[in-house]
Amino acid sequence: MSENSAVSPPVRPMRRAPTKRPASWWRASARRPVLLPDRATYRHASAEGRNVMEAEPMGKAAEEVRQLYKWT
């Protein structure tokens, strides 16, 4: 082998450090009555620069957002 053809070591994927949240966050999240599941409507509306209330006003995602607004 020549000097210029060095073999690089294998690349390892980066690991994320676990997030440390205060205990109060867990208690607050347990009281939250509304959860927003992962729906395609959220991604599609965001890609169009709109919110789900504008994209699909009568859809499930819009109803979940309405419930969240009522709770806050």
Protein backbone atom coordinates (compact mmCIF):
# COMPACT_ATOMS: atom_id res chain seq x y z
CA MET A 1 0.00 0.00 0.00
CA SER A 2 1.18 3.49 -0.72
CA GLU A 3 1.28 6.23 1.87
CA ASN A 4 -1.62 8.15 0.28
CA SER A 5 -4.13 5.31 0.35
CA ALA A 6 -4.92 5.30 4.06
CA VAL A 7 -8.04 3.45 5.17
CA SER A 8 -10.40 5.55 7.23
CA PRO A 9 -12.01 4.03 10.32
CA PRO A 10 -15.70 3.03 10.11
CA VAL A 11 -18.17 5.80 10.90
CA ARG A 12 -20.49 5.28 13.84
CA PRO A 13 -23.92 6.87 13.92
CA MET A 14 -24.29 9.67 16.45
CA ARG A 15 -26.33 8.95 19.52
CA ARG A 16 -28.59 11.48 21.12
CA ALA A 17 -28.17 12.19 24.76
CA PRO A 18 -31.30 11.41 26.74
CA THR A 19 -33.27 14.54 27.49
CA LYS A 20 -33.55 15.42 31.12
CA ARG A 21 -36.87 16.96 32.00
CA PRO A 22 -37.90 18.12 35.42
CA ALA A 23 -40.32 15.95 37.37
CA SER A 24 -42.90 18.74 37.16
CA TRP A 25 -43.03 18.29 33.37
CA TRP A 26 -44.10 14.66 33.76
CA ARG A 27 -46.80 15.60 36.25
CA ALA A 28 -48.09 18.36 33.96
CA SER A 29 -48.15 16.06 30.93
CA ALA A 30 -50.18 13.50 32.89
CA ARG A 31 -52.88 16.15 33.48
CA ARG A 32 -53.10 17.08 29.80
CA PRO A 33 -56.46 15.74 28.58
CA VAL A 34 -55.76 16.21 24.87
CA LEU A 35 -53.06 14.40 22.90
CA LEU A 36 -52.19 15.26 19.32
CA PRO A 37 -51.36 12.03 17.50
CA ASP A 38 -49.11 11.92 14.46
CA ARG A 39 -51.48 12.61 11.58
CA ALA A 40 -50.56 13.22 7.95
CA THR A 41 -52.81 16.29 7.98
CA TYR A 42 -50.39 18.11 10.30
CA ARG A 43 -47.46 17.47 7.95
CA HIS A 44 -49.39 18.30 4.77
CA ALA A 45 -50.81 21.52 6.17
CA SER A 46 -47.39 22.59 7.47
CA ALA A 47 -45.81 21.92 4.07
CA GLU A 48 -48.43 24.19 2.49
CA GLY A 49 -47.82 26.93 5.07
CA ARG A 50 -51.25 26.47 6.67
CA ASN A 51 -52.61 24.98 9.86
CA VAL A 52 -54.98 22.03 10.08
CA MET A 53 -57.94 24.32 10.77
CA GLU A 54 -57.40 25.88 7.33
CA ALA A 55 -56.47 22.70 5.48
CA GLU A 56 -59.25 20.41 6.73
CA PRO A 57 -61.63 22.33 9.00
CA MET A 58 -63.94 19.36 9.54
CA GLY A 59 -61.21 16.71 9.96
CA LYS A 60 -60.11 14.80 13.05
CA ALA A 61 -56.92 16.85 13.42
CA ALA A 62 -58.89 20.10 13.43
CA GLU A 63 -61.20 18.72 16.13
CA GLU A 64 -58.19 17.74 18.25
CA VAL A 65 -56.80 21.27 17.94
CA ARG A 66 -60.19 22.72 18.93
CA GLN A 67 -60.18 20.52 22.04
CA LEU A 68 -56.67 21.69 22.85
CA TYR A 69 -57.72 25.35 22.51
CA LYS A 70 -60.70 24.73 24.81
CA TRP A 71 -58.43 23.14 27.41
CA THR A 72 -55.93 26.03 27.43
